[in-house]
Amino acid sequence: MANFKLKSQPAVMGFTPERLAGFRGPLVMWGFGIGVTVSLFLSSVPIFKRDVLQKVPVLGDYYTDKTPDSDKPF
């Protein structure tokens, strides 16, 4: 007879950490896709553009407003 040791694992609604590890890849891909979609839809909002998009290292120069003050309506 083999000696098996039972270990208790924390579980929330039947999901253990071992079971959730299999969902890691798809969750990362969905999170990336949702992040890109939110950035695309909010890219025209000035506060999002200033606080988020201009601080991205590679894309920051693209979203910087270079319009002269004389050409701005407000």
Protein backbone atom coordinates (compact mmCIF):
# COMPACT_ATOMS: atom_id res chain seq x y z
CA MET A 1 0.00 0.00 0.00
CA ALA A 2 1.44 3.36 -1.03
CA ASN A 3 1.74 6.26 1.34
CA PHE A 4 -0.20 9.16 -0.11
CA LYS A 5 -0.20 12.48 1.65
CA LEU A 6 -3.19 14.69 1.22
CA LYS A 7 -2.50 18.40 1.09
CA SER A 8 -5.19 20.96 1.52
CA GLN A 9 -5.23 23.79 -1.01
CA PRO A 10 -6.99 27.11 -0.83
CA ALA A 11 -9.96 27.14 -3.15
CA VAL A 12 -12.44 29.80 -4.13
CA MET A 13 -15.63 28.39 -5.62
CA GLY A 14 -13.78 25.19 -6.52
CA PHE A 15 -10.85 26.87 -8.29
CA THR A 16 -7.44 26.01 -6.90
CA PRO A 17 -4.17 27.75 -7.84
CA GLU A 18 -3.13 24.70 -9.90
CA ARG A 19 -6.37 24.81 -11.87
CA LEU A 20 -6.08 28.57 -12.47
CA ALA A 21 -2.53 28.22 -13.80
CA GLY A 22 -3.92 26.72 -17.00
CA PHE A 23 -5.84 29.93 -17.71
CA ARG A 24 -2.80 32.20 -17.44
CA GLY A 25 -1.99 32.40 -21.18
CA PRO A 26 -5.51 33.13 -22.40
CA LEU A 27 -6.05 35.68 -19.62
CA VAL A 28 -2.87 37.52 -20.61
CA MET A 29 -3.93 37.61 -24.25
CA TRP A 30 -7.45 38.83 -23.41
CA GLY A 31 -6.02 41.47 -21.06
CA PHE A 32 -3.65 42.73 -23.75
CA GLY A 33 -6.45 42.88 -26.32
CA ILE A 34 -8.78 44.73 -23.96
CA GLY A 35 -6.01 47.19 -23.07
CA VAL A 36 -5.32 47.95 -26.73
CA THR A 37 -9.04 48.37 -27.43
CA VAL A 38 -9.53 50.78 -24.52
CA SER A 39 -6.50 52.79 -25.62
CA LEU A 40 -7.85 52.97 -29.17
CA PHE A 41 -11.30 54.17 -28.11
CA LEU A 42 -10.00 56.66 -25.53
CA SER A 43 -7.18 58.09 -27.67
CA SER A 44 -9.29 61.13 -28.59
CA VAL A 45 -10.06 62.02 -24.94
CA PRO A 46 -7.62 64.82 -23.94
CA ILE A 47 -7.10 63.77 -20.32
CA PHE A 48 -6.38 60.13 -21.34
CA LYS A 49 -4.06 61.35 -24.05
CA ARG A 50 -2.13 63.59 -21.66
CA ASP A 51 -2.04 61.29 -18.62
CA VAL A 52 -1.50 57.92 -20.30
CA LEU A 53 -0.59 57.95 -23.98
CA GLN A 54 2.03 60.71 -23.86
CA LYS A 55 3.89 58.79 -21.12
CA VAL A 56 4.35 55.62 -23.21
CA PRO A 57 8.05 55.65 -24.17
CA VAL A 58 7.76 54.84 -27.88
CA LEU A 59 4.38 56.40 -28.68
CA GLY A 60 4.61 59.54 -26.55
CA ASP A 61 5.84 61.83 -29.34
CA TYR A 62 2.97 60.80 -31.62
CA TYR A 63 0.35 61.98 -29.12
CA THR A 64 2.10 65.21 -28.13
CA ASP A 65 0.13 68.25 -29.31
CA LYS A 66 2.41 70.39 -31.51
CA THR A 67 -0.30 72.76 -32.73
CA PRO A 68 0.64 76.44 -32.23
CA ASP A 69 -1.50 78.33 -29.72
CA SER A 70 -2.70 80.70 -32.46
CA ASP A 71 -4.37 77.77 -34.27
CA LYS A 72 -6.22 76.39 -31.25
CA PRO A 73 -9.86 77.44 -30.91
CA PHE A 74 -9.81 77.70 -27.09
